[in-house]
């Protein structure tokens, strides 16, 4: 049976059709006969007991510069849809959190992917705290003395915003670095959120592995290699993707976290593994589908829709 699918995402005109995971997910849905409706996060609303969105019926095609067509704009009641995708990019701010609260009111009668309650409670850098034996030494703090103590113990650390994304605001502070005070002053002047610090993993020079899990099962991985002179491997900041095999350690990590992800309705997840250490569990808007499909010929989007269709059935 065709499904009515609504997609909450950033403006579709700007997406890279050869890299964007949301585009690939929607493209696969269309190929399977499902009906698409698209809206941006600012068009989501709660109105006197109804969860609504103003947007457009959507058709896609793989043609650069001409990759979508929109139908006539209209307001819809999202409870009348079978599936709603929560796919806008972080940062995980109060706007994002509000989206999860609103969408939670129609889930699970309308299947929201990923489950918004657990997206809210399991943002990228916090769920890893449930698995301390799988992760590098980590601290989350706003207090400068605590961060200084962590740097003193580990010498070479990564410092980044707790709710950042795409490699923005990520700093390596090696044993000779003297910028912790200044960075703390900068970050705390911007917002009231804590920072996260992790022990630096030298193996990042060989790549930051993105492993894709679908309904708790590992389906494949890509390696993201930093550009010359960079610590960050994010493709937003010049990292390149390359083919890679999953190691026994990768499979061990996935076996540990997979049952929890499945139980909490996290159907599409991307984890980051550096040198055998789990650094992030991405549940908000993970990426990597198209690169994995090109390298390994795996229809990841198809596997995602099989999981969704099984839940709807």
C-alpha atoms as a PDB file:
ATOM      1  CA  UNK A   1       0.000   0.000   0.000  1.00  0.00           C
ATOM      2  CA  UNK A   2       1.357   3.450  -0.854  1.00  0.00           C
ATOM      3  CA  UNK A   3       2.119   5.567   2.198  1.00  0.00           C
ATOM      4  CA  UNK A   4       1.493   9.263   2.718  1.00  0.00           C
ATOM      5  CA  UNK A   5       4.907  10.645   3.695  1.00  0.00           C
ATOM      6  CA  UNK A   6       5.666  14.149   4.984  1.00  0.00           C
ATOM      7  CA  UNK A   7       9.270  15.339   5.159  1.00  0.00           C
ATOM      8  CA  UNK A   8      10.338  18.107   7.518  1.00  0.00           C
ATOM      9  CA  UNK A   9      13.666  19.328   6.141  1.00  0.00           C
ATOM     10  CA  UNK A  10      15.731  22.387   5.285  1.00  0.00           C
ATOM     11  CA  UNK A  11      14.992  24.115   1.937  1.00  0.00           C
ATOM     12  CA  UNK A  12      15.105  21.460  -0.769  1.00  0.00           C
ATOM     13  CA  UNK A  13      16.402  23.777  -3.479  1.00  0.00           C
ATOM     14  CA  UNK A  14      19.841  23.932  -1.853  1.00  0.00           C
ATOM     15  CA  UNK A  15      20.479  20.198  -1.436  1.00  0.00           C
ATOM     16  CA  UNK A  16      23.284  18.371  -3.250  1.00  0.00           C
ATOM     17  CA  UNK A  17      21.437  15.559  -4.982  1.00  0.00           C
ATOM     18  CA  UNK A  18      24.624  13.457  -5.165  1.00  0.00           C
ATOM     19  CA  UNK A  19      25.283  13.609  -1.417  1.00  0.00           C
ATOM     20  CA  UNK A  20      22.176  14.536   0.533  1.00  0.00           C
ATOM     21  CA  UNK A  21      20.701  11.623   2.493  1.00  0.00           C
ATOM     22  CA  UNK A  22      17.236  13.177   2.798  1.00  0.00           C
ATOM     23  CA  UNK A  23      17.017  13.506  -0.986  1.00  0.00           C
ATOM     24  CA  UNK A  24      17.971   9.839  -1.384  1.00  0.00           C
ATOM     25  CA  UNK A  25      15.422   8.721   1.230  1.00  0.00           C
ATOM     26  CA  UNK A  26      12.674  10.709  -0.489  1.00  0.00           C
ATOM     27  CA  UNK A  27      13.760   9.481  -3.925  1.00  0.00           C
ATOM     28  CA  UNK A  28      13.509   5.877  -2.756  1.00  0.00           C
ATOM     29  CA  UNK A  29      10.080   6.522  -1.218  1.00  0.00           C
ATOM     30  CA  UNK A  30       8.852   7.908  -4.526  1.00  0.00           C
ATOM     31  CA  UNK A  31      10.251   4.895  -6.399  1.00  0.00           C
ATOM     32  CA  UNK A  32       8.301   2.630  -4.033  1.00  0.00           C
ATOM     33  CA  UNK A  33       5.063   4.417  -4.897  1.00  0.00           C
ATOM     34  CA  UNK A  34       4.715   6.512  -1.740  1.00  0.00           C
ATOM     35  CA  UNK A  35       3.265  10.032  -1.904  1.00  0.00           C
ATOM     36  CA  UNK A  36       5.524  12.887  -0.742  1.00  0.00           C
ATOM     37  CA  UNK A  37       4.716  16.152   1.000  1.00  0.00           C
ATOM     38  CA  UNK A  38       7.491  18.604   1.890  1.00  0.00           C
ATOM     39  CA  UNK A  39       7.654  21.440   4.394  1.00  0.00           C
ATOM     40  CA  UNK A  40      10.343  23.415   6.220  1.00  0.00           C
ATOM     41  CA  UNK A  41      10.644  23.392  10.040  1.00  0.00           C
ATOM     42  CA  UNK A  42       9.230  26.906  10.415  1.00  0.00           C
ATOM     43  CA  UNK A  43       5.978  25.711   8.820  1.00  0.00           C
ATOM     44  CA  UNK A  44       5.262  23.135  11.554  1.00  0.00           C
ATOM     45  CA  UNK A  45       2.514  24.239  13.984  1.00  0.00           C
ATOM     46  CA  UNK A  46       0.268  23.133  16.818  1.00  0.00           C
ATOM     47  CA  UNK A  47      -3.250  24.501  16.340  1.00  0.00           C
ATOM     48  CA  UNK A  48      -5.922  23.836  18.951  1.00  0.00           C
ATOM     49  CA  UNK A  49      -5.184  20.137  19.271  1.00  0.00           C
ATOM     50  CA  UNK A  50      -4.007  19.575  15.685  1.00  0.00           C
ATOM     51  CA  UNK A  51      -0.432  19.233  14.422  1.00  0.00           C
ATOM     52  CA  UNK A  52      -0.252  20.966  11.061  1.00  0.00           C
ATOM     53  CA  UNK A  53       2.260  22.026   8.432  1.00  0.00           C
ATOM     54  CA  UNK A  54       2.129  24.369   5.460  1.00  0.00           C
ATOM     55  CA  UNK A  55       3.981  22.938   2.492  1.00  0.00           C
ATOM     56  CA  UNK A  56       3.753  21.330  -0.925  1.00  0.00           C
ATOM     57  CA  UNK A  57       3.236  17.967  -2.631  1.00  0.00           C
ATOM     58  CA  UNK A  58       6.685  16.958  -3.889  1.00  0.00           C
ATOM     59  CA  UNK A  59       8.083  15.140  -6.922  1.00  0.00           C
ATOM     60  CA  UNK A  60      11.798  14.421  -7.327  1.00  0.00           C
ATOM     61  CA  UNK A  61      14.123  13.633 -10.206  1.00  0.00           C
ATOM     62  CA  UNK A  62      17.872  13.144 -10.376  1.00  0.00           C
ATOM     63  CA  UNK A  63      18.657  16.179 -12.518  1.00  0.00           C
ATOM     64  CA  UNK A  64      21.034  18.803 -11.172  1.00  0.00           C
ATOM     65  CA  UNK A  65      19.450  22.214 -11.071  1.00  0.00           C
ATOM     66  CA  UNK A  66      16.034  20.719 -11.805  1.00  0.00           C
ATOM     67  CA  UNK A  67      15.700  18.100  -9.101  1.00  0.00           C
ATOM     68  CA  UNK A  68      12.202  18.794  -7.746  1.00  0.00           C
ATOM     69  CA  UNK A  69       8.708  20.047  -8.556  1.00  0.00           C
ATOM     70  CA  UNK A  70       6.203  21.358  -6.039  1.00  0.00           C
ATOM     71  CA  UNK A  71       2.445  21.149  -6.192  1.00  0.00           C
ATOM     72  CA  UNK A  72       0.098  23.848  -4.972  1.00  0.00           C
ATOM     73  CA  UNK A  73       0.865  25.005  -1.419  1.00  0.00           C
ATOM     74  CA  UNK A  74      -1.549  23.894   1.265  1.00  0.00           C
ATOM     75  CA  UNK A  75      -1.929  23.277   4.967  1.00  0.00           C
ATOM     76  CA  UNK A  76      -2.162  19.642   6.053  1.00  0.00           C
ATOM     77  CA  UNK A  77      -3.006  17.814   9.261  1.00  0.00           C
ATOM     78  CA  UNK A  78       0.045  15.617   9.903  1.00  0.00           C
ATOM     79  CA  UNK A  79      -2.015  13.078  11.863  1.00  0.00           C
ATOM     80  CA  UNK A  80      -3.511  12.080   8.497  1.00  0.00           C
ATOM     81  CA  UNK A  81      -0.092  10.951   7.223  1.00  0.00           C
ATOM     82  CA  UNK A  82       1.422   7.498   7.634  1.00  0.00           C
ATOM     83  CA  UNK A  83       5.014   8.714   8.116  1.00  0.00           C
ATOM     84  CA  UNK A  84       6.656  12.001   9.032  1.00  0.00           C
ATOM     85  CA  UNK A  85      10.410  12.369   8.601  1.00  0.00           C
ATOM     86  CA  UNK A  86      12.202  14.684  11.051  1.00  0.00           C
ATOM     87  CA  UNK A  87      15.176  15.545   8.859  1.00  0.00           C
ATOM     88  CA  UNK A  88      16.274  19.140   9.302  1.00  0.00           C
ATOM     89  CA  UNK A  89      19.948  19.589  10.134  1.00  0.00           C
ATOM     90  CA  UNK A  90      21.097  20.506  13.631  1.00  0.00           C
ATOM     91  CA  UNK A  91      22.172  22.580  15.597  1.00  0.00           C
ATOM     92  CA  UNK A  92      20.131  20.925  18.282  1.00  0.00           C
ATOM     93  CA  UNK A  93      18.665  24.138  19.661  1.00  0.00           C
ATOM     94  CA  UNK A  94      15.337  25.057  21.239  1.00  0.00           C
ATOM     95  CA  UNK A  95      13.746  25.248  17.787  1.00  0.00           C
ATOM     96  CA  UNK A  96      14.740  21.633  17.143  1.00  0.00           C
ATOM     97  CA  UNK A  97      13.587  20.560  20.598  1.00  0.00           C
ATOM     98  CA  UNK A  98      10.225  22.273  20.059  1.00  0.00           C
ATOM     99  CA  UNK A  99       9.791  20.297  16.826  1.00  0.00           C
ATOM    100  CA  UNK A 100      10.243  17.055  18.770  1.00  0.00           C
ATOM    101  CA  UNK A 101       7.625  18.107  21.333  1.00  0.00           C
ATOM    102  CA  UNK A 102       5.075  18.961  18.649  1.00  0.00           C
ATOM    103  CA  UNK A 103       5.683  15.860  16.522  1.00  0.00           C
ATOM    104  CA  UNK A 104       5.549  13.639  19.588  1.00  0.00           C
ATOM    105  CA  UNK A 105       1.831  14.455  19.793  1.00  0.00           C
ATOM    106  CA  UNK A 106       1.072  12.470  16.626  1.00  0.00           C
ATOM    107  CA  UNK A 107       3.549   9.611  17.158  1.00  0.00           C
ATOM    108  CA  UNK A 108       3.222   6.594  16.962  1.00  0.00           C
ATOM    109  CA  UNK A 109      -0.204   6.667  15.246  1.00  0.00           C
ATOM    110  CA  UNK A 110       1.700   8.601  12.618  1.00  0.00           C
ATOM    111  CA  UNK A 111       5.186   7.098  12.566  1.00  0.00           C
ATOM    112  CA  UNK A 112       7.718   9.872  13.130  1.00  0.00           C
ATOM    113  CA  UNK A 113      11.242   8.889  12.054  1.00  0.00           C
ATOM    114  CA  UNK A 114      13.308   8.966  14.138  1.00  0.00           C
ATOM    115  CA  UNK A 115      11.104   8.746  17.257  1.00  0.00           C
ATOM    116  CA  UNK A 116      11.054  12.393  18.409  1.00  0.00           C
ATOM    117  CA  UNK A 117      10.968  11.638  22.145  1.00  0.00           C
ATOM    118  CA  UNK A 118      14.251   9.763  21.945  1.00  0.00           C
ATOM    119  CA  UNK A 119      15.796  12.163  19.430  1.00  0.00           C
ATOM    120  CA  UNK A 120      15.242  14.823  22.075  1.00  0.00           C
ATOM    121  CA  UNK A 121      16.743  12.663  24.823  1.00  0.00           C
ATOM    122  CA  UNK A 122      19.564  11.116  22.771  1.00  0.00           C
ATOM    123  CA  UNK A 123      21.289  13.941  20.847  1.00  0.00           C
ATOM    124  CA  UNK A 124      24.534  13.058  19.081  1.00  0.00           C
ATOM    125  CA  UNK A 125      27.077  13.638  21.826  1.00  0.00           C
ATOM    126  CA  UNK A 126      25.010  12.509  24.823  1.00  0.00           C
ATOM    127  CA  UNK A 127      23.846   8.971  24.049  1.00  0.00           C
ATOM    128  CA  UNK A 128      27.489   7.838  23.931  1.00  0.00           C
ATOM    129  CA  UNK A 129      27.651   8.537  27.685  1.00  0.00           C
ATOM    130  CA  UNK A 130      25.635   5.329  28.194  1.00  0.00           C
ATOM    131  CA  UNK A 131      28.602   3.355  26.795  1.00  0.00           C
ATOM    132  CA  UNK A 132      31.710   4.702  28.602  1.00  0.00           C
ATOM    133  CA  UNK A 133      33.740   1.563  27.898  1.00  0.00           C
ATOM    134  CA  UNK A 134      33.284   2.108  24.137  1.00  0.00           C
ATOM    135  CA  UNK A 135      34.219   5.806  24.123  1.00  0.00           C
ATOM    136  CA  UNK A 136      37.421   7.815  24.631  1.00  0.00           C
ATOM    137  CA  UNK A 137      37.778   9.719  27.927  1.00  0.00           C
ATOM    138  CA  UNK A 138      35.108  12.420  27.873  1.00  0.00           C
ATOM    139  CA  UNK A 139      33.949  15.298  30.033  1.00  0.00           C
ATOM    140  CA  UNK A 140      30.990  17.658  29.665  1.00  0.00           C
ATOM    141  CA  UNK A 141      31.334  20.891  31.600  1.00  0.00           C
ATOM    142  CA  UNK A 142      30.959  24.635  31.464  1.00  0.00           C
ATOM    143  CA  UNK A 143      33.267  25.177  34.423  1.00  0.00           C
ATOM    144  CA  UNK A 144      36.745  26.218  33.265  1.00  0.00           C
ATOM    145  CA  UNK A 145      38.553  24.524  36.152  1.00  0.00           C
ATOM    146  CA  UNK A 146      36.957  21.178  35.246  1.00  0.00           C
ATOM    147  CA  UNK A 147      38.002  21.538  31.611  1.00  0.00           C
ATOM    148  CA  UNK A 148      41.539  22.515  32.662  1.00  0.00           C
ATOM    149  CA  UNK A 149      41.782  19.436  34.893  1.00  0.00           C
ATOM    150  CA  UNK A 150      40.683  17.236  31.986  1.00  0.00           C
ATOM    151  CA  UNK A 151      43.296  18.776  29.691  1.00  0.00           C
ATOM    152  CA  UNK A 152      45.958  18.385  32.365  1.00  0.00           C
ATOM    153  CA  UNK A 153      45.165  14.664  32.659  1.00  0.00           C
ATOM    154  CA  UNK A 154      45.034  13.923  28.926  1.00  0.00           C
ATOM    155  CA  UNK A 155      47.297  16.581  27.394  1.00  0.00           C
ATOM    156  CA  UNK A 156      45.968  16.440  23.844  1.00  0.00           C
ATOM    157  CA  UNK A 157      42.208  17.006  23.643  1.00  0.00           C
ATOM    158  CA  UNK A 158      39.345  17.941  21.333  1.00  0.00           C
ATOM    159  CA  UNK A 159      37.043  20.728  22.526  1.00  0.00           C
ATOM    160  CA  UNK A 160      33.704  21.394  20.822  1.00  0.00           C
ATOM    161  CA  UNK A 161      30.173  22.718  21.400  1.00  0.00           C
ATOM    162  CA  UNK A 162      27.924  20.102  22.972  1.00  0.00           C
ATOM    163  CA  UNK A 163      25.130  20.714  20.458  1.00  0.00           C
ATOM    164  CA  UNK A 164      27.174  21.683  17.396  1.00  0.00           C
ATOM    165  CA  UNK A 165      27.259  19.884  14.067  1.00  0.00           C
ATOM    166  CA  UNK A 166      29.176  19.544  10.820  1.00  0.00           C
ATOM    167  CA  UNK A 167      32.583  20.109  12.436  1.00  0.00           C
ATOM    168  CA  UNK A 168      31.786  23.723  13.352  1.00  0.00           C
ATOM    169  CA  UNK A 169      33.610  25.003  16.412  1.00  0.00           C
ATOM    170  CA  UNK A 170      35.778  21.901  16.844  1.00  0.00           C
ATOM    171  CA  UNK A 171      39.262  22.637  18.217  1.00  0.00           C
ATOM    172  CA  UNK A 172      42.254  20.443  18.925  1.00  0.00           C
ATOM    173  CA  UNK A 173      44.254  21.615  21.929  1.00  0.00           C
ATOM    174  CA  UNK A 174      47.603  19.798  22.004  1.00  0.00           C
ATOM    175  CA  UNK A 175      49.897  19.766  25.069  1.00  0.00           C
ATOM    176  CA  UNK A 176      51.555  23.030  23.987  1.00  0.00           C
ATOM    177  CA  UNK A 177      48.322  24.892  23.248  1.00  0.00           C
ATOM    178  CA  UNK A 178      47.493  27.926  25.389  1.00  0.00           C
ATOM    179  CA  UNK A 179      44.048  28.766  24.034  1.00  0.00           C
ATOM    180  CA  UNK A 180      41.709  26.955  26.434  1.00  0.00           C
ATOM    181  CA  UNK A 181      40.961  30.090  28.457  1.00  0.00           C
ATOM    182  CA  UNK A 182      40.237  32.137  25.326  1.00  0.00           C
ATOM    183  CA  UNK A 183      38.049  29.450  23.768  1.00  0.00           C
ATOM    184  CA  UNK A 184      36.121  29.035  27.004  1.00  0.00           C
ATOM    185  CA  UNK A 185      35.568  32.791  27.102  1.00  0.00           C
ATOM    186  CA  UNK A 186      34.419  32.751  23.467  1.00  0.00           C
ATOM    187  CA  UNK A 187      31.984  29.845  23.840  1.00  0.00           C
ATOM    188  CA  UNK A 188      30.498  30.950  27.155  1.00  0.00           C
ATOM    189  CA  UNK A 189      29.987  34.420  25.723  1.00  0.00           C
ATOM    190  CA  UNK A 190      27.831  32.968  22.932  1.00  0.00           C
ATOM    191  CA  UNK A 191      25.461  30.757  24.961  1.00  0.00           C
ATOM    192  CA  UNK A 192      24.889  29.072  28.316  1.00  0.00           C
ATOM    193  CA  UNK A 193      25.527  25.504  27.147  1.00  0.00           C
ATOM    194  CA  UNK A 194      28.316  23.247  28.410  1.00  0.00           C
ATOM    195  CA  UNK A 195      31.236  22.171  26.239  1.00  0.00           C
ATOM    196  CA  UNK A 196      32.334  18.627  25.520  1.00  0.00           C
ATOM    197  CA  UNK A 197      35.980  17.601  25.668  1.00  0.00           C
ATOM    198  CA  UNK A 198      37.399  14.268  24.548  1.00  0.00           C
ATOM    199  CA  UNK A 199      40.881  12.831  24.543  1.00  0.00           C
ATOM    200  CA  UNK A 200      42.405  13.370  21.080  1.00  0.00           C
ATOM    201  CA  UNK A 201      42.633  10.173  19.040  1.00  0.00           C
ATOM    202  CA  UNK A 202      45.661  10.276  16.696  1.00  0.00           C
ATOM    203  CA  UNK A 203      44.039   7.590  14.539  1.00  0.00           C
ATOM    204  CA  UNK A 204      41.761  10.300  13.137  1.00  0.00           C
ATOM    205  CA  UNK A 205      44.498  11.025  10.587  1.00  0.00           C
ATOM    206  CA  UNK A 206      43.581   7.671   8.994  1.00  0.00           C
ATOM    207  CA  UNK A 207      39.899   8.578   9.008  1.00  0.00           C
ATOM    208  CA  UNK A 208      36.719   8.903  11.008  1.00  0.00           C
ATOM    209  CA  UNK A 209      34.517   5.937  10.160  1.00  0.00           C
ATOM    210  CA  UNK A 210      30.783   6.563   9.673  1.00  0.00           C
ATOM    211  CA  UNK A 211      28.856   3.343  10.283  1.00  0.00           C
ATOM    212  CA  UNK A 212      25.204   3.289   9.201  1.00  0.00           C
ATOM    213  CA  UNK A 213      22.656   1.358  11.252  1.00  0.00           C
ATOM    214  CA  UNK A 214      19.106   0.652  10.079  1.00  0.00           C
ATOM    215  CA  UNK A 215      16.659  -0.343  12.822  1.00  0.00           C
ATOM    216  CA  UNK A 216      19.604  -1.275  15.031  1.00  0.00           C
ATOM    217  CA  UNK A 217      21.495  -3.348  12.457  1.00  0.00           C
ATOM    218  CA  UNK A 218      24.789  -2.293  10.861  1.00  0.00           C
ATOM    219  CA  UNK A 219      24.501  -2.134   7.071  1.00  0.00           C
ATOM    220  CA  UNK A 220      27.892  -0.701   6.110  1.00  0.00           C
ATOM    221  CA  UNK A 221      30.448   2.041   6.611  1.00  0.00           C
ATOM    222  CA  UNK A 222      32.400   4.752   4.860  1.00  0.00           C
ATOM    223  CA  UNK A 223      35.659   6.335   5.944  1.00  0.00           C
ATOM    224  CA  UNK A 224      35.932  10.121   6.131  1.00  0.00           C
ATOM    225  CA  UNK A 225      39.526  11.296   5.822  1.00  0.00           C
ATOM    226  CA  UNK A 226      40.545  14.800   6.957  1.00  0.00           C
ATOM    227  CA  UNK A 227      42.007  17.215   4.448  1.00  0.00           C
ATOM    228  CA  UNK A 228      45.732  17.923   4.751  1.00  0.00           C
ATOM    229  CA  UNK A 229      46.381  20.055   7.809  1.00  0.00           C
ATOM    230  CA  UNK A 230      42.900  19.419   9.242  1.00  0.00           C
ATOM    231  CA  UNK A 231      41.828  17.546  12.363  1.00  0.00           C
ATOM    232  CA  UNK A 232      38.168  17.466  11.379  1.00  0.00           C
ATOM    233  CA  UNK A 233      37.024  14.808   8.930  1.00  0.00           C
ATOM    234  CA  UNK A 234      33.509  16.134   8.305  1.00  0.00           C
ATOM    235  CA  UNK A 235      32.747  16.377   4.607  1.00  0.00           C
ATOM    236  CA  UNK A 236      31.267  19.844   5.234  1.00  0.00           C
ATOM    237  CA  UNK A 237      34.822  21.040   5.941  1.00  0.00           C
ATOM    238  CA  UNK A 238      36.734  19.260   3.200  1.00  0.00           C
ATOM    239  CA  UNK A 239      36.957  15.665   4.399  1.00  0.00           C
ATOM    240  CA  UNK A 240      36.781  13.057   1.654  1.00  0.00           C
ATOM    241  CA  UNK A 241      34.828   9.819   1.703  1.00  0.00           C
ATOM    242  CA  UNK A 242      36.472   6.526   0.833  1.00  0.00           C
ATOM    243  CA  UNK A 243      35.450   2.869   0.788  1.00  0.00           C
ATOM    244  CA  UNK A 244      36.120   0.914   3.980  1.00  0.00           C
ATOM    245  CA  UNK A 245      35.184  -2.410   5.527  1.00  0.00           C
ATOM    246  CA  UNK A 246      33.642  -2.776   8.961  1.00  0.00           C
ATOM    247  CA  UNK A 247      36.038  -4.228  11.524  1.00  0.00           C
ATOM    248  CA  UNK A 248      35.275  -6.682  14.313  1.00  0.00           C
ATOM    249  CA  UNK A 249      35.385  -3.711  16.703  1.00  0.00           C
ATOM    250  CA  UNK A 250      32.811  -1.835  14.613  1.00  0.00           C
ATOM    251  CA  UNK A 251      30.505  -4.851  14.710  1.00  0.00           C
ATOM    252  CA  UNK A 252      31.042  -5.200  18.463  1.00  0.00           C
ATOM    253  CA  UNK A 253      30.033  -1.562  18.982  1.00  0.00           C
ATOM    254  CA  UNK A 254      26.955  -1.964  16.794  1.00  0.00           C
ATOM    255  CA  UNK A 255      25.929  -5.145  18.612  1.00  0.00           C
ATOM    256  CA  UNK A 256      26.100  -3.243  21.904  1.00  0.00           C
ATOM    257  CA  UNK A 257      24.129  -0.165  20.869  1.00  0.00           C
ATOM    258  CA  UNK A 258      21.822  -1.658  18.225  1.00  0.00           C
ATOM    259  CA  UNK A 259      19.154  -3.151  20.523  1.00  0.00           C
ATOM    260  CA  UNK A 260      18.717   0.163  22.346  1.00  0.00           C
ATOM    261  CA  UNK A 261      18.397   2.085  19.070  1.00  0.00           C
ATOM    262  CA  UNK A 262      15.784  -0.341  17.784  1.00  0.00           C
ATOM    263  CA  UNK A 263      13.821  -0.266  21.045  1.00  0.00           C
ATOM    264  CA  UNK A 264      13.745   3.546  21.019  1.00  0.00           C
ATOM    265  CA  UNK A 265      12.574   3.879  17.410  1.00  0.00           C
ATOM    266  CA  UNK A 266      15.848   5.196  15.968  1.00  0.00           C
ATOM    267  CA  UNK A 267      15.473   3.682  12.508  1.00  0.00           C
ATOM    268  CA  UNK A 268      18.251   5.584  10.703  1.00  0.00           C
ATOM    269  CA  UNK A 269      21.412   6.217  12.731  1.00  0.00           C
ATOM    270  CA  UNK A 270      25.008   7.046  11.848  1.00  0.00           C
ATOM    271  CA  UNK A 271      27.748   6.449  14.399  1.00  0.00           C
ATOM    272  CA  UNK A 272      31.285   7.838  14.321  1.00  0.00           C
ATOM    273  CA  UNK A 273      34.196   5.529  15.155  1.00  0.00           C
ATOM    274  CA  UNK A 274      37.842   6.653  15.358  1.00  0.00           C
ATOM    275  CA  UNK A 275      40.524   4.058  15.983  1.00  0.00           C
ATOM    276  CA  UNK A 276      37.978   1.664  17.423  1.00  0.00           C
ATOM    277  CA  UNK A 277      36.427   4.242  19.769  1.00  0.00           C
ATOM    278  CA  UNK A 278      32.811   5.408  19.538  1.00  0.00           C
ATOM    279  CA  UNK A 279      32.691   9.224  19.525  1.00  0.00           C
ATOM    280  CA  UNK A 280      29.121  10.107  18.435  1.00  0.00           C
ATOM    281  CA  UNK A 281      25.748   8.449  17.830  1.00  0.00           C
ATOM    282  CA  UNK A 282      23.948  10.622  15.263  1.00  0.00           C
ATOM    283  CA  UNK A 283      20.157  10.354  15.479  1.00  0.00           C
ATOM    284  CA  UNK A 284      18.968  13.822  14.417  1.00  0.00           C
ATOM    285  CA  UNK A 285      19.921  14.006  10.736  1.00  0.00           C
ATOM    286  CA  UNK A 286      22.619  11.429   9.930  1.00  0.00           C
ATOM    287  CA  UNK A 287      24.310  11.380   6.531  1.00  0.00           C
ATOM    288  CA  UNK A 288      26.390   8.978   4.455  1.00  0.00           C
ATOM    289  CA  UNK A 289      23.755   6.985   2.559  1.00  0.00           C
ATOM    290  CA  UNK A 290      24.729   7.980  -0.963  1.00  0.00           C
ATOM    291  CA  UNK A 291      28.464   7.466  -0.445  1.00  0.00           C
ATOM    292  CA  UNK A 292      27.861   4.006   1.011  1.00  0.00           C
ATOM    293  CA  UNK A 293      25.534   3.071  -1.844  1.00  0.00           C
ATOM    294  CA  UNK A 294      28.148   4.142  -4.419  1.00  0.00           C
ATOM    295  CA  UNK A 295      31.037   2.323  -2.724  1.00  0.00           C
ATOM    296  CA  UNK A 296      29.323  -0.935  -1.778  1.00  0.00           C
ATOM    297  CA  UNK A 297      26.208  -1.101  -3.971  1.00  0.00           C
ATOM    298  CA  UNK A 298      24.004  -1.349  -0.868  1.00  0.00           C
ATOM    299  CA  UNK A 299      20.522   0.113  -1.199  1.00  0.00           C
ATOM    300  CA  UNK A 300      20.548   1.711   2.245  1.00  0.00           C
ATOM    301  CA  UNK A 301      17.496   3.853   1.495  1.00  0.00           C
ATOM    302  CA  UNK A 302      15.642   0.697   0.474  1.00  0.00           C
ATOM    303  CA  UNK A 303      16.562  -0.990   3.761  1.00  0.00           C
ATOM    304  CA  UNK A 304      15.311   2.054   5.677  1.00  0.00           C
ATOM    305  CA  UNK A 305      11.975   1.962   3.882  1.00  0.00           C
ATOM    306  CA  UNK A 306      11.656  -1.783   4.421  1.00  0.00           C
ATOM    307  CA  UNK A 307      12.012  -1.149   8.159  1.00  0.00           C
ATOM    308  CA  UNK A 308       9.439   1.654   8.052  1.00  0.00           C
ATOM    309  CA  UNK A 309       6.978  -0.334   5.941  1.00  0.00           C
ATOM    310  CA  UNK A 310       7.289  -3.277   8.337  1.00  0.00           C
ATOM    311  CA  UNK A 311       6.463  -1.028  11.285  1.00  0.00           C
ATOM    312  CA  UNK A 312       3.493   0.483   9.467  1.00  0.00           C
ATOM    313  CA  UNK A 313       2.237  -2.964   8.526  1.00  0.00           C
END
